[in-house]
Protein backbone atom coordinates (compact mmCIF):
# COMPACT_ATOMS: atom_id res chain seq x y z
CA MET A 1 53.36 -25.74 8.50
CA ALA A 2 50.09 -23.69 8.10
CA HIS A 3 48.88 -21.57 5.11
CA PHE A 4 47.94 -17.86 5.46
CA TRP A 5 45.90 -15.82 3.05
CA ILE A 6 46.88 -12.21 2.64
CA ASN A 7 43.86 -10.12 1.42
CA LYS A 8 41.86 -13.04 0.22
CA ASP A 9 38.70 -11.89 -1.51
CA VAL A 10 39.71 -7.97 -0.48
CA PRO A 11 38.40 -5.82 -3.45
CA GLY A 12 41.45 -3.97 -5.38
CA ALA A 13 44.14 -5.69 -3.03
CA ARG A 14 46.54 -8.19 -4.19
CA GLU A 15 45.84 -11.60 -2.93
CA HIS A 16 48.63 -14.00 -1.85
CA GLN A 17 49.11 -17.17 -0.10
CA VAL A 18 52.19 -18.30 2.13
CA ALA A 19 53.17 -21.38 4.06
CA ALA A 20 54.35 -20.54 7.30
CA GLN A 21 53.94 -21.37 11.18
CA THR A 22 53.25 -17.94 12.39
CA TYR A 23 53.62 -14.40 11.46
CA GLY A 24 54.13 -10.96 13.62
CA VAL A 25 54.38 -7.45 13.32
CA GLU A 26 57.49 -5.64 13.54
CA GLY A 27 57.71 -1.82 12.71
CA ASP A 28 56.25 -1.37 9.19
CA TYR A 29 56.49 -5.05 8.31
CA VAL A 30 54.45 -8.26 8.82
CA HIS A 31 56.87 -11.14 8.91
CA PHE A 32 55.94 -14.73 8.39
CA TYR A 33 58.05 -17.20 10.06
CA ASP A 34 58.64 -20.93 9.55
CA ASP A 35 59.05 -23.87 12.31
CA SER A 36 62.76 -22.61 12.96
CA LYS A 37 61.63 -18.96 13.55
CA LEU A 38 63.34 -18.23 10.24
CA LYS A 39 61.32 -15.68 7.94
CA VAL A 40 59.92 -16.87 4.98
CA LEU A 41 58.12 -13.67 3.77
CA SER A 42 58.02 -10.05 4.79
CA ILE A 43 55.31 -7.58 3.25
CA ARG A 44 54.79 -4.07 4.38
CA LYS A 45 51.96 -3.77 6.79
CA GLU A 46 49.99 -0.86 4.83
CA THR A 47 49.39 -3.50 2.17
CA ALA A 48 48.06 -6.17 4.15
CA PHE A 49 44.36 -5.62 4.77
CA LEU A 50 43.41 -9.14 5.75
CA ILE A 51 45.38 -12.07 7.07
CA GLU A 52 43.75 -15.20 7.58
CA ARG A 53 44.85 -18.80 8.62
CA SER A 54 43.62 -21.52 6.23
CA SER A 55 42.07 -24.53 8.22
CA ASP A 56 44.18 -27.60 8.07
């Protein structure tokens, strides 16, 4: 499973890290999924200014 940073080093934005296999955008949300394609986190896309995958 990979790690994704949300808003890492973005001034004024809340930083968060999530363990997930992948992510996708659906409507107003960004969903992060595990290996079984189950959602592990959903956030409103208006709050996600930067999403980057950590190097493994």
